[in-house]
Amino acid sequence: MQLTRNLGNLDRMARLVIGALLVVLALFGTIGVWGWVGLILVATAFMNFCPIYRILGMKTCSDC
């Protein structure tokens, strides 16, 4: 499966910030186990690819 870019810069930054915040809150026990979902957001931000966007045929980048 080819991981073609489908995330724009704003989307990537939002995923990175929100994902990191969720992970930190999970580490401190503030929000519980669901905070570890933030790892998925951080991973997709670094890969520049979202599998759900691909399934739905979406792209948030203007140059891809």
PDB file of N, CA and C in Angstrom:
ATOM      1  N   MET A   1       0.839  -1.180   0.000  1.00  0.00           N
ATOM      2  CA  MET A   1       0.000   0.000   0.000  1.00  0.00           C
ATOM      3  C   MET A   1       0.888   1.250   0.000  1.00  0.00           C
ATOM      4  N   GLN A   2       0.644   2.129  -0.918  1.00  0.00           N
ATOM      5  CA  GLN A   2       1.399   3.362  -1.033  1.00  0.00           C
ATOM      6  C   GLN A   2       0.827   4.419  -0.085  1.00  0.00           C
ATOM      7  N   LEU A   3       1.688   5.004   0.752  1.00  0.00           N
ATOM      8  CA  LEU A   3       1.256   6.036   1.687  1.00  0.00           C
ATOM      9  C   LEU A   3       1.464   7.400   1.043  1.00  0.00           C
ATOM     10  N   THR A   4       0.521   7.804   0.211  1.00  0.00           N
ATOM     11  CA  THR A   4       0.628   9.102  -0.432  1.00  0.00           C
ATOM     12  C   THR A   4       0.130  10.182   0.515  1.00  0.00           C
ATOM     13  N   ARG A   5       0.776  11.302   0.482  1.00  0.00           N
ATOM     14  CA  ARG A   5       0.466  12.408   1.388  1.00  0.00           C
ATOM     15  C   ARG A   5      -0.981  12.856   1.218  1.00  0.00           C
ATOM     16  N   ASN A   6      -1.709  12.983   2.338  1.00  0.00           N
ATOM     17  CA  ASN A   6      -3.067  13.502   2.266  1.00  0.00           C
ATOM     18  C   ASN A   6      -3.394  14.455   3.423  1.00  0.00           C
ATOM     19  N   LEU A   7      -2.364  14.918   4.134  1.00  0.00           N
ATOM     20  CA  LEU A   7      -2.564  15.868   5.229  1.00  0.00           C
ATOM     21  C   LEU A   7      -1.902  17.198   4.899  1.00  0.00           C
ATOM     22  N   GLY A   8      -2.633  18.275   5.125  1.00  0.00           N
ATOM     23  CA  GLY A   8      -2.076  19.611   4.974  1.00  0.00           C
ATOM     24  C   GLY A   8      -1.315  20.015   6.229  1.00  0.00           C
ATOM     25  N   ASN A   9      -0.604  21.124   6.143  1.00  0.00           N
ATOM     26  CA  ASN A   9       0.217  21.571   7.266  1.00  0.00           C
ATOM     27  C   ASN A   9      -0.611  21.904   8.505  1.00  0.00           C
ATOM     28  N   LEU A  10      -1.728  22.592   8.339  1.00  0.00           N
ATOM     29  CA  LEU A  10      -2.574  22.935   9.472  1.00  0.00           C
ATOM     30  C   LEU A  10      -3.132  21.675  10.142  1.00  0.00           C
ATOM     31  N   ASP A  11      -3.551  20.726   9.338  1.00  0.00           N
ATOM     32  CA  ASP A  11      -4.067  19.453   9.853  1.00  0.00           C
ATOM     33  C   ASP A  11      -2.978  18.707  10.622  1.00  0.00           C
ATOM     34  N   ARG A  12      -1.773  18.680  10.075  1.00  0.00           N
ATOM     35  CA  ARG A  12      -0.648  17.997  10.736  1.00  0.00           C
ATOM     36  C   ARG A  12      -0.323  18.631  12.079  1.00  0.00           C
ATOM     37  N   MET A  13      -0.266  19.946  12.124  1.00  0.00           N
ATOM     38  CA  MET A  13       0.069  20.637  13.369  1.00  0.00           C
ATOM     39  C   MET A  13      -1.024  20.421  14.420  1.00  0.00           C
ATOM     40  N   ALA A  14      -2.276  20.463  14.000  1.00  0.00           N
ATOM     41  CA  ALA A  14      -3.380  20.238  14.933  1.00  0.00           C
ATOM     42  C   ALA A  14      -3.318  18.820  15.506  1.00  0.00           C
ATOM     43  N   ARG A  15      -3.046  17.840  14.645  1.00  0.00           N
ATOM     44  CA  ARG A  15      -2.933  16.463  15.112  1.00  0.00           C
ATOM     45  C   ARG A  15      -1.782  16.299  16.097  1.00  0.00           C
ATOM     46  N   LEU A  16      -0.656  16.938  15.795  1.00  0.00           N
ATOM     47  CA  LEU A  16       0.517  16.828  16.647  1.00  0.00           C
ATOM     48  C   LEU A  16       0.268  17.450  18.019  1.00  0.00           C
ATOM     49  N   VAL A  17      -0.303  18.633  18.051  1.00  0.00           N
ATOM     50  CA  VAL A  17      -0.557  19.325  19.316  1.00  0.00           C
ATOM     51  C   VAL A  17      -1.619  18.601  20.139  1.00  0.00           C
ATOM     52  N   ILE A  18      -2.735  18.270  19.519  1.00  0.00           N
ATOM     53  CA  ILE A  18      -3.821  17.595  20.246  1.00  0.00           C
ATOM     54  C   ILE A  18      -3.387  16.210  20.700  1.00  0.00           C
ATOM     55  N   GLY A  19      -2.694  15.477  19.812  1.00  0.00           N
ATOM     56  CA  GLY A  19      -2.222  14.143  20.165  1.00  0.00           C
ATOM     57  C   GLY A  19      -1.247  14.166  21.326  1.00  0.00           C
ATOM     58  N   ALA A  20      -0.287  15.090  21.278  1.00  0.00           N
ATOM     59  CA  ALA A  20       0.691  15.200  22.365  1.00  0.00           C
ATOM     60  C   ALA A  20       0.008  15.578  23.675  1.00  0.00           C
ATOM     61  N   LEU A  21      -0.951  16.481  23.610  1.00  0.00           N
ATOM     62  CA  LEU A  21      -1.694  16.873  24.810  1.00  0.00           C
ATOM     63  C   LEU A  21      -2.447  15.682  25.411  1.00  0.00           C
ATOM     64  N   LEU A  22      -3.084  14.892  24.572  1.00  0.00           N
ATOM     65  CA  LEU A  22      -3.801  13.707  25.058  1.00  0.00           C
ATOM     66  C   LEU A  22      -2.852  12.711  25.723  1.00  0.00           C
ATOM     67  N   VAL A  23      -1.692  12.501  25.112  1.00  0.00           N
ATOM     68  CA  VAL A  23      -0.722  11.560  25.678  1.00  0.00           C
ATOM     69  C   VAL A  23      -0.210  12.056  27.027  1.00  0.00           C
ATOM     70  N   VAL A  24       0.091  13.339  27.119  1.00  0.00           N
ATOM     71  CA  VAL A  24       0.568  13.896  28.391  1.00  0.00           C
ATOM     72  C   VAL A  24      -0.505  13.772  29.462  1.00  0.00           C
ATOM     73  N   LEU A  25      -1.744  14.069  29.114  1.00  0.00           N
ATOM     74  CA  LEU A  25      -2.833  13.939  30.083  1.00  0.00           C
ATOM     75  C   LEU A  25      -3.036  12.481  30.505  1.00  0.00           C
ATOM     76  N   ALA A  26      -2.828  11.551  29.586  1.00  0.00           N
ATOM     77  CA  ALA A  26      -2.933  10.130  29.929  1.00  0.00           C
ATOM     78  C   ALA A  26      -1.789   9.712  30.844  1.00  0.00           C
ATOM     79  N   LEU A  27      -0.601  10.238  30.593  1.00  0.00           N
ATOM     80  CA  LEU A  27       0.543   9.908  31.445  1.00  0.00           C
ATOM     81  C   LEU A  27       0.320  10.339  32.891  1.00  0.00           C
ATOM     82  N   PHE A  28      -0.307  11.488  33.065  1.00  0.00           N
ATOM     83  CA  PHE A  28      -0.562  11.990  34.415  1.00  0.00           C
ATOM     84  C   PHE A  28      -1.858  11.459  35.012  1.00  0.00           C
ATOM     85  N   GLY A  29      -2.576  10.629  34.272  1.00  0.00           N
ATOM     86  CA  GLY A  29      -3.792  10.011  34.784  1.00  0.00           C
ATOM     87  C   GLY A  29      -4.991  10.931  34.815  1.00  0.00           C
ATOM     88  N   THR A  30      -4.917  12.044  34.125  1.00  0.00           N
ATOM     89  CA  THR A  30      -6.005  13.012  34.131  1.00  0.00           C
ATOM     90  C   THR A  30      -7.218  12.527  33.348  1.00  0.00           C
ATOM     91  N   ILE A  31      -6.983  11.937  32.180  1.00  0.00           N
ATOM     92  CA  ILE A  31      -8.111  11.537  31.338  1.00  0.00           C
ATOM     93  C   ILE A  31      -8.217  10.028  31.152  1.00  0.00           C
ATOM     94  N   GLY A  32      -7.363   9.280  31.741  1.00  0.00           N
ATOM     95  CA  GLY A  32      -7.460   7.828  31.669  1.00  0.00           C
ATOM     96  C   GLY A  32      -6.879   7.241  30.401  1.00  0.00           C
ATOM     97  N   VAL A  33      -7.300   6.042  30.113  1.00  0.00           N
ATOM     98  CA  VAL A  33      -6.737   5.241  29.027  1.00  0.00           C
ATOM     99  C   VAL A  33      -7.027   5.837  27.656  1.00  0.00           C
ATOM    100  N   TRP A  34      -8.124   6.533  27.493  1.00  0.00           N
ATOM    101  CA  TRP A  34      -8.488   7.076  26.186  1.00  0.00           C
ATOM    102  C   TRP A  34      -7.479   8.095  25.675  1.00  0.00           C
ATOM    103  N   GLY A  35      -6.680   8.655  26.553  1.00  0.00           N
ATOM    104  CA  GLY A  35      -5.672   9.606  26.120  1.00  0.00           C
ATOM    105  C   GLY A  35      -4.610   9.009  25.227  1.00  0.00           C
ATOM    106  N   TRP A  36      -4.426   7.704  25.314  1.00  0.00           N
ATOM    107  CA  TRP A  36      -3.422   7.036  24.480  1.00  0.00           C
ATOM    108  C   TRP A  36      -3.817   7.031  23.007  1.00  0.00           C
ATOM    109  N   VAL A  37      -5.052   7.374  22.700  1.00  0.00           N
ATOM    110  CA  VAL A  37      -5.477   7.536  21.307  1.00  0.00           C
ATOM    111  C   VAL A  37      -4.651   8.647  20.656  1.00  0.00           C
ATOM    112  N   GLY A  38      -4.133   9.541  21.467  1.00  0.00           N
ATOM    113  CA  GLY A  38      -3.293  10.609  20.961  1.00  0.00           C
ATOM    114  C   GLY A  38      -2.067  10.101  20.220  1.00  0.00           C
ATOM    115  N   LEU A  39      -1.606   8.905  20.541  1.00  0.00           N
ATOM    116  CA  LEU A  39      -0.463   8.319  19.818  1.00  0.00           C
ATOM    117  C   LEU A  39      -0.787   8.129  18.341  1.00  0.00           C
ATOM    118  N   ILE A  40      -2.024   7.806  18.045  1.00  0.00           N
ATOM    119  CA  ILE A  40      -2.436   7.643  16.648  1.00  0.00           C
ATOM    120  C   ILE A  40      -2.358   8.984  15.927  1.00  0.00           C
ATOM    121  N   LEU A  41      -2.816  10.036  16.601  1.00  0.00           N
ATOM    122  CA  LEU A  41      -2.758  11.363  15.996  1.00  0.00           C
ATOM    123  C   LEU A  41      -1.320  11.808  15.751  1.00  0.00           C
ATOM    124  N   VAL A  42      -0.459  11.563  16.716  1.00  0.00           N
ATOM    125  CA  VAL A  42       0.951  11.932  16.560  1.00  0.00           C
ATOM    126  C   VAL A  42       1.585  11.130  15.424  1.00  0.00           C
ATOM    127  N   ALA A  43       1.301   9.844  15.354  1.00  0.00           N
ATOM    128  CA  ALA A  43       1.879   8.993  14.299  1.00  0.00           C
ATOM    129  C   ALA A  43       1.420   9.436  12.914  1.00  0.00           C
ATOM    130  N   THR A  44       0.134   9.734  12.757  1.00  0.00           N
ATOM    131  CA  THR A  44      -0.359  10.158  11.442  1.00  0.00           C
ATOM    132  C   THR A  44       0.208  11.525  11.064  1.00  0.00           C
ATOM    133  N   ALA A  45       0.451  12.377  12.052  1.00  0.00           N
ATOM    134  CA  ALA A  45       1.065  13.678  11.761  1.00  0.00           C
ATOM    135  C   ALA A  45       2.486  13.495  11.232  1.00  0.00           C
ATOM    136  N   PHE A  46       3.252  12.595  11.830  1.00  0.00           N
ATOM    137  CA  PHE A  46       4.623  12.359  11.370  1.00  0.00           C
ATOM    138  C   PHE A  46       4.673  11.629  10.034  1.00  0.00           C
ATOM    139  N   MET A  47       3.712  10.748   9.784  1.00  0.00           N
ATOM    140  CA  MET A  47       3.683  10.020   8.513  1.00  0.00           C
ATOM    141  C   MET A  47       3.105  10.863   7.384  1.00  0.00           C
ATOM    142  N   ASN A  48       2.416  11.959   7.746  1.00  0.00           N
ATOM    143  CA  ASN A  48       1.787  12.830   6.754  1.00  0.00           C
ATOM    144  C   ASN A  48       0.704  12.090   5.978  1.00  0.00           C
ATOM    145  N   PHE A  49       0.081  11.137   6.621  1.00  0.00           N
ATOM    146  CA  PHE A  49      -0.899  10.265   5.975  1.00  0.00           C
ATOM    147  C   PHE A  49      -1.948   9.832   6.989  1.00  0.00           C
ATOM    148  N   CYS A  50      -3.208   9.914   6.597  1.00  0.00           N
ATOM    149  CA  CYS A  50      -4.294   9.434   7.438  1.00  0.00           C
ATOM    150  C   CYS A  50      -5.071   8.361   6.678  1.00  0.00           C
ATOM    151  N   PRO A  51      -5.085   7.127   7.198  1.00  0.00           N
ATOM    152  CA  PRO A  51      -5.779   6.050   6.493  1.00  0.00           C
ATOM    153  C   PRO A  51      -7.284   6.287   6.366  1.00  0.00           C
ATOM    154  N   ILE A  52      -7.880   6.943   7.338  1.00  0.00           N
ATOM    155  CA  ILE A  52      -9.319   7.207   7.263  1.00  0.00           C
ATOM    156  C   ILE A  52      -9.618   8.221   6.160  1.00  0.00           C
ATOM    157  N   TYR A  53      -8.751   9.211   6.001  1.00  0.00           N
ATOM    158  CA  TYR A  53      -8.921  10.152   4.894  1.00  0.00           C
ATOM    159  C   TYR A  53      -8.856   9.416   3.558  1.00  0.00           C
ATOM    160  N   ARG A  54      -7.960   8.446   3.465  1.00  0.00           N
ATOM    161  CA  ARG A  54      -7.836   7.696   2.211  1.00  0.00           C
ATOM    162  C   ARG A  54      -9.111   6.913   1.913  1.00  0.00           C
ATOM    163  N   ILE A  55      -9.661   6.276   2.936  1.00  0.00           N
ATOM    164  CA  ILE A  55     -10.904   5.513   2.747  1.00  0.00           C
ATOM    165  C   ILE A  55     -12.043   6.423   2.293  1.00  0.00           C
ATOM    166  N   LEU A  56     -12.098   7.628   2.896  1.00  0.00           N
ATOM    167  CA  LEU A  56     -13.166   8.573   2.561  1.00  0.00           C
ATOM    168  C   LEU A  56     -12.864   9.410   1.324  1.00  0.00           C
ATOM    169  N   GLY A  57     -11.652   9.271   0.779  1.00  0.00           N
ATOM    170  CA  GLY A  57     -11.256  10.024  -0.407  1.00  0.00           C
ATOM    171  C   GLY A  57     -10.998  11.496  -0.132  1.00  0.00           C
ATOM    172  N   MET A  58     -10.588  11.819   1.085  1.00  0.00           N
ATOM    173  CA  MET A  58     -10.349  13.205   1.481  1.00  0.00           C
ATOM    174  C   MET A  58      -8.869  13.550   1.432  1.00  0.00           C
ATOM    175  N   LYS A  59      -8.589  14.836   1.254  1.00  0.00           N
ATOM    176  CA  LYS A  59      -7.236  15.385   1.342  1.00  0.00           C
ATOM    177  C   LYS A  59      -7.360  16.778   1.915  1.00  0.00           C
ATOM    178  N   THR A  60      -6.443  17.128   2.810  1.00  0.00           N
ATOM    179  CA  THR A  60      -6.445  18.483   3.354  1.00  0.00           C
ATOM    180  C   THR A  60      -5.240  19.283   2.865  1.00  0.00           C
ATOM    181  N   CYS A  61      -4.452  18.696   2.001  1.00  0.00           N
ATOM    182  CA  CYS A  61      -3.309  19.427   1.454  1.00  0.00           C
ATOM    183  C   CYS A  61      -3.690  19.974   0.083  1.00  0.00           C
ATOM    184  N   SER A  62      -3.207  21.157  -0.212  1.00  0.00           N
ATOM    185  CA  SER A  62      -3.572  21.797  -1.472  1.00  0.00           C
ATOM    186  C   SER A  62      -2.653  21.384  -2.633  1.00  0.00           C
ATOM    187  N   ASP A  63      -1.458  20.902  -2.314  1.00  0.00           N
ATOM    188  CA  ASP A  63      -0.489  20.582  -3.370  1.00  0.00           C
ATOM    189  C   ASP A  63      -0.299  19.089  -3.614  1.00  0.00           C
ATOM    190  N   CYS A  64      -1.190  18.277  -3.107  1.00  0.00           N
ATOM    191  CA  CYS A  64      -1.036  16.831  -3.330  1.00  0.00           C
ATOM    192  C   CYS A  64      -2.215  16.258  -4.072  1.00  0.00           C
TER     193      CYS A  64
END
